[in-house]
Amino acid sequence: MSNENIHIAEQLRLAYEGEAWHGPALDELLAGVTAKHAAAKPLHNVHSIWEIVLHIAAWQDVVRRRLAGEVVELTTEEDWSVVNDKSEAAWKDTATLLERSLNELIKAITQFDEARLDSTVAGKEYSNRFMIFGALQHNLYHAGQIALLKKL
């Protein structure tokens, strides 16, 4: 486990759990959100908090799988899942899925060969390092959307 990989994984963890410089972390933003609020679509043609959380989890999984050398492309349905079961139990399962996908990605990053960080991702034109930092940026981008949706 390299120091750089540990540092990168810690940045992902901070963006999720808190103590990050940018403001509220994803977990902090989701605290207290009910299934009803998570499923709400207060603006036309805007994803719900729930859909965004599923989207983040899907992409964390994609990055983990790509780090393992798998060539992965999401279908539209996998990228933006439709929420059919809008129960509190299903919302809790979604929150668990988000945290599990993050933990699995963090584990993959800490176990990843640092010498391969600048290698090209299979089937892509960018490096593993670029992809990992992209996942962090992606999570923060969507955390900002969730912060706004919570206010509506």
Protein backbone atom coordinates (compact mmCIF):
# COMPACT_ATOMS: atom_id res chain seq x y z
CA MET A 1 0.00 0.00 0.00
CA SER A 2 1.58 3.25 -1.11
CA ASN A 3 1.45 6.60 0.63
CA GLU A 4 -0.04 8.21 -2.47
CA ASN A 5 -2.82 5.64 -2.70
CA ILE A 6 -3.60 6.11 0.99
CA HIS A 7 -3.76 9.88 0.47
CA ILE A 8 -6.10 9.53 -2.52
CA ALA A 9 -8.35 7.09 -0.64
CA GLU A 10 -8.45 9.47 2.33
CA GLN A 11 -9.67 12.28 0.07
CA LEU A 12 -12.55 10.08 -1.10
CA ARG A 13 -13.36 9.23 2.50
CA LEU A 14 -13.33 12.91 3.57
CA ALA A 15 -15.66 13.84 0.71
CA TYR A 16 -18.07 11.18 1.99
CA GLU A 17 -17.71 11.36 5.78
CA GLY A 18 -16.79 14.94 6.48
CA GLU A 19 -14.01 17.12 7.82
CA ALA A 20 -13.41 18.18 4.21
CA TRP A 21 -12.49 21.75 3.31
CA HIS A 22 -15.27 22.18 0.74
CA GLY A 23 -18.20 21.98 3.17
CA PRO A 24 -20.74 19.29 4.04
CA ALA A 25 -19.75 15.81 2.97
CA LEU A 26 -22.11 13.47 1.17
CA ASP A 27 -22.99 11.49 4.28
CA GLU A 28 -23.69 14.71 6.16
CA LEU A 29 -25.94 15.90 3.34
CA LEU A 30 -27.89 12.65 3.33
CA ALA A 31 -28.40 12.56 7.10
CA GLY A 32 -32.07 12.96 7.90
CA VAL A 33 -33.23 12.72 4.28
CA THR A 34 -36.40 10.64 4.18
CA ALA A 35 -37.41 8.33 1.36
CA LYS A 36 -40.12 10.80 0.37
CA HIS A 37 -37.63 13.66 0.16
CA ALA A 38 -35.04 11.49 -1.62
CA ALA A 39 -37.58 10.46 -4.27
CA ALA A 40 -38.98 13.98 -4.79
CA LYS A 41 -38.43 15.77 -8.08
CA PRO A 42 -39.04 19.42 -7.22
CA LEU A 43 -37.74 20.63 -10.57
CA HIS A 44 -38.70 19.49 -14.07
CA ASN A 45 -36.05 17.34 -15.80
CA VAL A 46 -33.85 17.15 -12.69
CA HIS A 47 -32.82 13.90 -11.04
CA SER A 48 -33.96 13.16 -7.52
CA ILE A 49 -31.57 12.81 -4.60
CA TRP A 50 -32.24 9.08 -4.71
CA GLU A 51 -31.36 8.81 -8.41
CA ILE A 52 -28.19 10.81 -7.81
CA VAL A 53 -27.13 8.54 -4.95
CA LEU A 54 -27.66 5.46 -7.14
CA HIS A 55 -25.68 7.17 -9.92
CA ILE A 56 -22.75 7.91 -7.59
CA ALA A 57 -22.73 4.31 -6.35
CA ALA A 58 -22.80 2.98 -9.92
CA TRP A 59 -19.80 5.08 -10.93
CA GLN A 60 -17.83 4.20 -7.82
CA ASP A 61 -18.36 0.58 -8.83
CA VAL A 62 -17.28 1.31 -12.42
CA VAL A 63 -14.03 2.89 -11.23
CA ARG A 64 -13.33 -0.06 -8.91
CA ARG A 65 -13.94 -2.53 -11.73
CA ARG A 66 -11.81 -0.54 -14.18
CA LEU A 67 -8.95 -0.49 -11.66
CA ALA A 68 -9.17 -4.28 -11.72
CA GLY A 69 -8.66 -4.17 -15.50
CA GLU A 70 -12.26 -4.72 -16.54
CA VAL A 71 -13.61 -2.82 -19.53
CA VAL A 72 -16.87 -1.38 -18.21
CA GLU A 73 -19.50 0.79 -19.86
CA LEU A 74 -22.84 1.53 -18.22
CA THR A 75 -26.13 1.38 -20.05
CA THR A 76 -28.42 4.39 -19.64
CA GLU A 77 -30.49 2.35 -17.19
CA GLU A 78 -27.43 1.46 -15.12
CA ASP A 79 -26.13 5.03 -15.23
CA TRP A 80 -29.42 6.59 -14.07
CA SER A 81 -31.50 3.98 -12.31
CA VAL A 82 -35.25 4.38 -11.98
CA VAL A 83 -36.49 4.21 -8.40
CA ASN A 84 -39.55 1.96 -8.26
CA ASP A 85 -39.67 1.05 -4.58
CA LYS A 86 -39.85 4.36 -2.69
CA SER A 87 -40.13 2.88 0.80
CA GLU A 88 -37.97 3.90 3.74
CA ALA A 89 -36.41 0.42 3.72
CA ALA A 90 -35.43 0.77 0.06
CA TRP A 91 -33.94 4.22 0.75
CA LYS A 92 -31.93 2.78 3.64
CA ASP A 93 -30.71 0.00 1.30
CA THR A 94 -29.63 2.66 -1.20
CA ALA A 95 -27.66 4.54 1.45
CA THR A 96 -26.00 1.25 2.43
CA LEU A 97 -25.19 0.56 -1.23
CA LEU A 98 -23.55 3.98 -1.54
CA GLU A 99 -21.35 3.42 1.49
CA ARG A 100 -20.49 -0.15 0.45
CA SER A 101 -19.49 0.94 -3.07
CA LEU A 102 -17.30 3.67 -1.57
CA ASN A 103 -15.62 1.26 0.84
CA GLU A 104 -14.98 -1.21 -1.97
CA LEU A 105 -13.48 1.55 -4.14
CA ILE A 106 -11.28 2.75 -1.30
CA LYS A 107 -10.06 -0.80 -0.72
CA ALA A 108 -9.31 -1.17 -4.45
CA ILE A 109 -7.36 2.11 -4.47
CA THR A 110 -5.29 1.24 -1.39
CA GLN A 111 -4.43 -2.15 -2.92
CA PHE A 112 -3.74 -0.74 -6.39
CA ASP A 113 -0.14 -0.81 -7.62
CA GLU A 114 1.07 2.80 -7.40
CA ALA A 115 3.35 2.17 -10.37
CA ARG A 116 0.19 1.75 -12.48
CA LEU A 117 -1.44 5.05 -11.48
CA ASP A 118 -0.24 6.72 -14.67
CA SER A 119 -1.06 3.71 -16.87
CA THR A 120 -3.97 4.03 -19.26
CA VAL A 121 -7.32 2.61 -18.18
CA ALA A 122 -8.30 -0.40 -20.35
CA GLY A 123 -10.41 0.83 -23.26
CA LYS A 124 -9.93 4.53 -22.39
CA GLU A 125 -7.56 7.35 -23.28
CA TYR A 126 -6.87 8.50 -19.72
CA SER A 127 -4.85 7.24 -16.77
CA ASN A 128 -5.94 5.43 -13.64
CA ARG A 129 -4.89 8.49 -11.63
CA PHE A 130 -7.12 10.77 -13.75
CA MET A 131 -10.01 8.35 -13.36
CA ILE A 132 -9.66 8.08 -9.58
CA PHE A 133 -9.52 11.85 -9.13
CA GLY A 134 -12.43 12.08 -11.56
CA ALA A 135 -14.45 9.84 -9.24
CA LEU A 136 -13.72 12.19 -6.35
CA GLN A 137 -14.71 15.21 -8.43
CA HIS A 138 -17.84 13.40 -9.61
CA ASN A 139 -18.91 12.68 -6.04
CA LEU A 140 -18.39 16.30 -5.00
CA TYR A 141 -20.25 17.63 -8.04
CA HIS A 142 -23.27 15.51 -7.19
CA ALA A 143 -22.99 16.34 -3.47
CA GLY A 144 -23.50 19.96 -4.50
CA GLN A 145 -26.63 19.00 -6.42
CA ILE A 146 -27.95 17.12 -3.39
CA ALA A 147 -27.26 20.14 -1.17
CA LEU A 148 -29.40 22.29 -3.49
CA LEU A 149 -32.17 19.71 -3.80
CA LYS A 150 -32.42 19.45 -0.01
CA LYS A 151 -33.32 23.14 0.09
CA LEU A 152 -36.25 22.79 -2.32
